[in-house]
PDB file of N, CA and C in Angstrom:
ATOM      1  N   MET A   1      -8.768 -39.750  26.115  1.00  0.00           N
ATOM      2  CA  MET A   1      -9.532 -39.385  24.924  1.00  0.00           C
ATOM      3  C   MET A   1     -10.108 -37.972  25.057  1.00  0.00           C
ATOM      4  N   LYS A   2     -10.584 -37.659  26.270  1.00  0.00           N
ATOM      5  CA  LYS A   2     -11.150 -36.331  26.487  1.00  0.00           C
ATOM      6  C   LYS A   2     -10.078 -35.254  26.383  1.00  0.00           C
ATOM      7  N   LYS A   3      -8.870 -35.571  26.884  1.00  0.00           N
ATOM      8  CA  LYS A   3      -7.769 -34.614  26.822  1.00  0.00           C
ATOM      9  C   LYS A   3      -7.394 -34.316  25.374  1.00  0.00           C
ATOM     10  N   LEU A   4      -7.390 -35.354  24.543  1.00  0.00           N
ATOM     11  CA  LEU A   4      -7.046 -35.196  23.138  1.00  0.00           C
ATOM     12  C   LEU A   4      -8.076 -34.328  22.423  1.00  0.00           C
ATOM     13  N   THR A   5      -9.343 -34.555  22.712  1.00  0.00           N
ATOM     14  CA  THR A   5     -10.407 -33.763  22.096  1.00  0.00           C
ATOM     15  C   THR A   5     -10.311 -32.304  22.526  1.00  0.00           C
ATOM     16  N   LEU A   6     -10.061 -32.071  23.797  1.00  0.00           N
ATOM     17  CA  LEU A   6      -9.937 -30.707  24.307  1.00  0.00           C
ATOM     18  C   LEU A   6      -8.738 -30.002  23.672  1.00  0.00           C
ATOM     19  N   ARG A   7      -7.639 -30.735  23.531  1.00  0.00           N
ATOM     20  CA  ARG A   7      -6.443 -30.161  22.914  1.00  0.00           C
ATOM     21  C   ARG A   7      -6.716 -29.816  21.450  1.00  0.00           C
ATOM     22  N   PHE A   8      -7.409 -30.702  20.743  1.00  0.00           N
ATOM     23  CA  PHE A   8      -7.736 -30.447  19.341  1.00  0.00           C
ATOM     24  C   PHE A   8      -8.623 -29.210  19.208  1.00  0.00           C
ATOM     25  N   ILE A   9      -9.638 -29.103  20.046  1.00  0.00           N
ATOM     26  CA  ILE A   9     -10.541 -27.949  19.999  1.00  0.00           C
ATOM     27  C   ILE A   9      -9.773 -26.661  20.292  1.00  0.00           C
ATOM     28  N   THR A  10      -8.872 -26.708  21.260  1.00  0.00           N
ATOM     29  CA  THR A  10      -8.077 -25.525  21.602  1.00  0.00           C
ATOM     30  C   THR A  10      -7.181 -25.114  20.443  1.00  0.00           C
ATOM     31  N   TYR A  11      -6.446 -26.068  19.867  1.00  0.00           N
ATOM     32  CA  TYR A  11      -5.560 -25.759  18.743  1.00  0.00           C
ATOM     33  C   TYR A  11      -6.353 -25.250  17.543  1.00  0.00           C
ATOM     34  N   PHE A  12      -7.487 -25.879  17.281  1.00  0.00           N
ATOM     35  CA  PHE A  12      -8.316 -25.485  16.149  1.00  0.00           C
ATOM     36  C   PHE A  12      -8.832 -24.058  16.322  1.00  0.00           C
ATOM     37  N   THR A  13      -9.289 -23.733  17.526  1.00  0.00           N
ATOM     38  CA  THR A  13      -9.813 -22.391  17.796  1.00  0.00           C
ATOM     39  C   THR A  13      -8.719 -21.338  17.674  1.00  0.00           C
ATOM     40  N   VAL A  14      -7.552 -21.614  18.247  1.00  0.00           N
ATOM     41  CA  VAL A  14      -6.443 -20.662  18.167  1.00  0.00           C
ATOM     42  C   VAL A  14      -5.991 -20.497  16.715  1.00  0.00           C
ATOM     43  N   GLY A  15      -5.898 -21.591  15.986  1.00  0.00           N
ATOM     44  CA  GLY A  15      -5.510 -21.525  14.572  1.00  0.00           C
ATOM     45  C   GLY A  15      -6.509 -20.745  13.739  1.00  0.00           C
ATOM     46  N   LEU A  16      -7.784 -20.961  13.997  1.00  0.00           N
ATOM     47  CA  LEU A  16      -8.824 -20.231  13.279  1.00  0.00           C
ATOM     48  C   LEU A  16      -8.756 -18.740  13.583  1.00  0.00           C
ATOM     49  N   LEU A  17      -8.511 -18.405  14.830  1.00  0.00           N
ATOM     50  CA  LEU A  17      -8.395 -17.003  15.229  1.00  0.00           C
ATOM     51  C   LEU A  17      -7.202 -16.336  14.536  1.00  0.00           C
ATOM     52  N   ILE A  18      -6.065 -17.019  14.520  1.00  0.00           N
ATOM     53  CA  ILE A  18      -4.875 -16.473  13.853  1.00  0.00           C
ATOM     54  C   ILE A  18      -5.129 -16.309  12.355  1.00  0.00           C
ATOM     55  N   PHE A  19      -5.805 -17.280  11.748  1.00  0.00           N
ATOM     56  CA  PHE A  19      -6.108 -17.205  10.318  1.00  0.00           C
ATOM     57  C   PHE A  19      -7.032 -16.032  10.006  1.00  0.00           C
ATOM     58  N   LEU A  20      -8.038 -15.798  10.847  1.00  0.00           N
ATOM     59  CA  LEU A  20      -8.953 -14.677  10.631  1.00  0.00           C
ATOM     60  C   LEU A  20      -8.237 -13.337  10.783  1.00  0.00           C
ATOM     61  N   ILE A  21      -7.354 -13.242  11.767  1.00  0.00           N
ATOM     62  CA  ILE A  21      -6.568 -12.013  11.934  1.00  0.00           C
ATOM     63  C   ILE A  21      -5.681 -11.794  10.708  1.00  0.00           C
ATOM     64  N   TYR A  22      -5.089 -12.880  10.196  1.00  0.00           N
ATOM     65  CA  TYR A  22      -4.250 -12.784   9.000  1.00  0.00           C
ATOM     66  C   TYR A  22      -5.061 -12.298   7.800  1.00  0.00           C
ATOM     67  N   LEU A  23      -6.271 -12.846   7.619  1.00  0.00           N
ATOM     68  CA  LEU A  23      -7.106 -12.424   6.498  1.00  0.00           C
ATOM     69  C   LEU A  23      -7.478 -10.952   6.604  1.00  0.00           C
ATOM     70  N   PHE A  24      -7.814 -10.518   7.810  1.00  0.00           N
ATOM     71  CA  PHE A  24      -8.166  -9.113   8.014  1.00  0.00           C
ATOM     72  C   PHE A  24      -6.976  -8.210   7.706  1.00  0.00           C
ATOM     73  N   ALA A  25      -5.796  -8.586   8.201  1.00  0.00           N
ATOM     74  CA  ALA A  25      -4.596  -7.774   7.963  1.00  0.00           C
ATOM     75  C   ALA A  25      -4.245  -7.746   6.479  1.00  0.00           C
ATOM     76  N   MET A  26      -4.373  -8.889   5.828  1.00  0.00           N
ATOM     77  CA  MET A  26      -4.043  -8.979   4.407  1.00  0.00           C
ATOM     78  C   MET A  26      -4.987  -8.115   3.580  1.00  0.00           C
ATOM     79  N   SER A  27      -6.292  -8.195   3.858  1.00  0.00           N
ATOM     80  CA  SER A  27      -7.246  -7.404   3.082  1.00  0.00           C
ATOM     81  C   SER A  27      -7.045  -5.913   3.333  1.00  0.00           C
ATOM     82  N   THR A  28      -6.792  -5.544   4.584  1.00  0.00           N
ATOM     83  CA  THR A  28      -6.557  -4.131   4.895  1.00  0.00           C
ATOM     84  C   THR A  28      -5.296  -3.630   4.204  1.00  0.00           C
ATOM     85  N   ALA A  29      -4.234  -4.429   4.230  1.00  0.00           N
ATOM     86  CA  ALA A  29      -2.978  -4.023   3.592  1.00  0.00           C
ATOM     87  C   ALA A  29      -3.153  -3.890   2.083  1.00  0.00           C
ATOM     88  N   LEU A  30      -3.888  -4.817   1.474  1.00  0.00           N
ATOM     89  CA  LEU A  30      -4.080  -4.746   0.025  1.00  0.00           C
ATOM     90  C   LEU A  30      -4.933  -3.549  -0.364  1.00  0.00           C
ATOM     91  N   ILE A  31      -5.974  -3.275   0.420  1.00  0.00           N
ATOM     92  CA  ILE A  31      -6.818  -2.112   0.133  1.00  0.00           C
ATOM     93  C   ILE A  31      -5.992  -0.837   0.231  1.00  0.00           C
ATOM     94  N   ARG A  32      -5.170  -0.744   1.259  1.00  0.00           N
ATOM     95  CA  ARG A  32      -4.346   0.454   1.426  1.00  0.00           C
ATOM     96  C   ARG A  32      -3.249   0.526   0.371  1.00  0.00           C
ATOM     97  N   LEU A  33      -2.730  -0.620  -0.035  1.00  0.00           N
ATOM     98  CA  LEU A  33      -1.634  -0.637  -1.005  1.00  0.00           C
ATOM     99  C   LEU A  33      -2.098  -0.170  -2.379  1.00  0.00           C
ATOM    100  N   PHE A  34      -3.302  -0.582  -2.782  1.00  0.00           N
ATOM    101  CA  PHE A  34      -3.780  -0.278  -4.131  1.00  0.00           C
ATOM    102  C   PHE A  34      -4.743   0.900  -4.181  1.00  0.00           C
ATOM    103  N   ASN A  35      -4.848   1.656  -3.102  1.00  0.00           N
ATOM    104  CA  ASN A  35      -5.692   2.847  -3.090  1.00  0.00           C
ATOM    105  C   ASN A  35      -4.786   4.068  -3.228  1.00  0.00           C
ATOM    106  N   PRO A  36      -4.750   4.686  -4.419  1.00  0.00           N
ATOM    107  CA  PRO A  36      -3.798   5.788  -4.628  1.00  0.00           C
ATOM    108  C   PRO A  36      -4.052   6.989  -3.721  1.00  0.00           C
ATOM    109  N   VAL A  37      -5.306   7.235  -3.378  1.00  0.00           N
ATOM    110  CA  VAL A  37      -5.620   8.365  -2.499  1.00  0.00           C
ATOM    111  C   VAL A  37      -4.998   8.137  -1.129  1.00  0.00           C
ATOM    112  N   TYR A  38      -5.135   6.910  -0.620  1.00  0.00           N
ATOM    113  CA  TYR A  38      -4.562   6.615   0.694  1.00  0.00           C
ATOM    114  C   TYR A  38      -3.042   6.691   0.655  1.00  0.00           C
ATOM    115  N   VAL A  39      -2.443   6.160  -0.415  1.00  0.00           N
ATOM    116  CA  VAL A  39      -0.977   6.153  -0.517  1.00  0.00           C
ATOM    117  C   VAL A  39      -0.444   7.584  -0.568  1.00  0.00           C
ATOM    118  N   GLN A  40      -1.093   8.442  -1.373  1.00  0.00           N
ATOM    119  CA  GLN A  40      -0.660   9.835  -1.476  1.00  0.00           C
ATOM    120  C   GLN A  40      -0.824  10.541  -0.131  1.00  0.00           C
ATOM    121  N   GLN A  41      -1.951  10.309   0.518  1.00  0.00           N
ATOM    122  CA  GLN A  41      -2.211  10.923   1.822  1.00  0.00           C
ATOM    123  C   GLN A  41      -1.195  10.429   2.855  1.00  0.00           C
ATOM    124  N   PHE A  42      -0.878   9.140   2.801  1.00  0.00           N
ATOM    125  CA  PHE A  42       0.072   8.569   3.753  1.00  0.00           C
ATOM    126  C   PHE A  42       1.465   9.166   3.557  1.00  0.00           C
ATOM    127  N   ILE A  43       1.874   9.315   2.293  1.00  0.00           N
ATOM    128  CA  ILE A  43       3.209   9.852   2.018  1.00  0.00           C
ATOM    129  C   ILE A  43       3.304  11.304   2.481  1.00  0.00           C
ATOM    130  N   TYR A  44       2.217  12.064   2.311  1.00  0.00           N
ATOM    131  CA  TYR A  44       2.247  13.471   2.729  1.00  0.00           C
ATOM    132  C   TYR A  44       2.230  13.625   4.244  1.00  0.00           C
ATOM    133  N   THR A  45       1.559  12.714   4.934  1.00  0.00           N
ATOM    134  CA  THR A  45       1.405  12.887   6.380  1.00  0.00           C
ATOM    135  C   THR A  45       2.444  12.118   7.188  1.00  0.00           C
ATOM    136  N   VAL A  46       3.337  11.401   6.523  1.00  0.00           N
ATOM    137  CA  VAL A  46       4.320  10.622   7.273  1.00  0.00           C
ATOM    138  C   VAL A  46       5.301  11.585   7.949  1.00  0.00           C
ATOM    139  N   ASP A  47       5.477  11.408   9.249  1.00  0.00           N
ATOM    140  CA  ASP A  47       6.317  12.345   9.994  1.00  0.00           C
ATOM    141  C   ASP A  47       7.738  11.827  10.172  1.00  0.00           C
ATOM    142  N   SER A  48       7.938  10.546   9.947  1.00  0.00           N
ATOM    143  CA  SER A  48       9.288  10.006  10.057  1.00  0.00           C
ATOM    144  C   SER A  48       9.438   8.859   9.063  1.00  0.00           C
ATOM    145  N   PRO A  49      10.644   8.605   8.609  1.00  0.00           N
ATOM    146  CA  PRO A  49      10.836   7.489   7.676  1.00  0.00           C
ATOM    147  C   PRO A  49      10.534   6.135   8.310  1.00  0.00           C
ATOM    148  N   PHE A  50      10.559   6.075   9.645  1.00  0.00           N
ATOM    149  CA  PHE A  50      10.286   4.799  10.312  1.00  0.00           C
ATOM    150  C   PHE A  50       8.839   4.358  10.102  1.00  0.00           C
ATOM    151  N   ALA A  51       7.915   5.316  10.019  1.00  0.00           N
ATOM    152  CA  ALA A  51       6.511   4.965   9.790  1.00  0.00           C
ATOM    153  C   ALA A  51       6.341   4.340   8.409  1.00  0.00           C
ATOM    154  N   LEU A  52       7.043   4.882   7.420  1.00  0.00           N
ATOM    155  CA  LEU A  52       6.976   4.322   6.070  1.00  0.00           C
ATOM    156  C   LEU A  52       7.572   2.918   6.038  1.00  0.00           C
ATOM    157  N   VAL A  53       8.701   2.739   6.691  1.00  0.00           N
ATOM    158  CA  VAL A  53       9.345   1.421   6.755  1.00  0.00           C
ATOM    159  C   VAL A  53       8.435   0.426   7.465  1.00  0.00           C
ATOM    160  N   GLU A  54       7.801   0.875   8.536  1.00  0.00           N
ATOM    161  CA  GLU A  54       6.904  -0.005   9.278  1.00  0.00           C
ATOM    162  C   GLU A  54       5.733  -0.439   8.408  1.00  0.00           C
ATOM    163  N   HIS A  55       5.187   0.479   7.639  1.00  0.00           N
ATOM    164  CA  HIS A  55       4.061   0.168   6.761  1.00  0.00           C
ATOM    165  C   HIS A  55       4.468  -0.865   5.712  1.00  0.00           C
ATOM    166  N   VAL A  56       5.624  -0.671   5.110  1.00  0.00           N
ATOM    167  CA  VAL A  56       6.114  -1.609   4.093  1.00  0.00           C
ATOM    168  C   VAL A  56       6.379  -2.980   4.711  1.00  0.00           C
ATOM    169  N   LEU A  57       6.944  -3.011   5.911  1.00  0.00           N
ATOM    170  CA  LEU A  57       7.216  -4.288   6.577  1.00  0.00           C
ATOM    171  C   LEU A  57       5.928  -5.041   6.897  1.00  0.00           C
ATOM    172  N   ILE A  58       4.888  -4.325   7.301  1.00  0.00           N
ATOM    173  CA  ILE A  58       3.606  -4.978   7.587  1.00  0.00           C
ATOM    174  C   ILE A  58       3.052  -5.616   6.323  1.00  0.00           C
ATOM    175  N   ILE A  59       3.116  -4.904   5.204  1.00  0.00           N
ATOM    176  CA  ILE A  59       2.615  -5.456   3.940  1.00  0.00           C
ATOM    177  C   ILE A  59       3.440  -6.673   3.527  1.00  0.00           C
ATOM    178  N   LEU A  60       4.762  -6.581   3.639  1.00  0.00           N
ATOM    179  CA  LEU A  60       5.616  -7.722   3.289  1.00  0.00           C
ATOM    180  C   LEU A  60       5.348  -8.913   4.200  1.00  0.00           C
ATOM    181  N   PHE A  61       5.131  -8.648   5.487  1.00  0.00           N
ATOM    182  CA  PHE A  61       4.834  -9.717   6.434  1.00  0.00           C
ATOM    183  C   PHE A  61       3.547 -10.434   6.048  1.00  0.00           C
ATOM    184  N   CYS A  62       2.543  -9.668   5.603  1.00  0.00           N
ATOM    185  CA  CYS A  62       1.280 -10.278   5.180  1.00  0.00           C
ATOM    186  C   CYS A  62       1.493 -11.165   3.957  1.00  0.00           C
ATOM    187  N   PHE A  63       2.331 -10.724   3.014  1.00  0.00           N
ATOM    188  CA  PHE A  63       2.573 -11.531   1.819  1.00  0.00           C
ATOM    189  C   PHE A  63       3.371 -12.790   2.144  1.00  0.00           C
ATOM    190  N   VAL A  64       4.290 -12.689   3.083  1.00  0.00           N
ATOM    191  CA  VAL A  64       5.116 -13.851   3.439  1.00  0.00           C
ATOM    192  C   VAL A  64       4.266 -14.934   4.078  1.00  0.00           C
ATOM    193  N   LEU A  65       3.341 -14.529   4.935  1.00  0.00           N
ATOM    194  CA  LEU A  65       2.476 -15.520   5.580  1.00  0.00           C
ATOM    195  C   LEU A  65       1.582 -16.162   4.555  1.00  0.00           C
TER     196      LEU A  65
END
């Protein structure tokens, strides 16, 4: 019984941590996505197309989750 409780607490804590990280990433991605000043600044300062692709993939990953 104690093992089951410990396992539940561990899974719950890890799940909560992952969910909080997801919420933070999602809010940051949405703020950056809908902020025209940031988008314009990002497009001007991008030094390689890979950075732009990486940014788009992060936003898509947040939406998929």
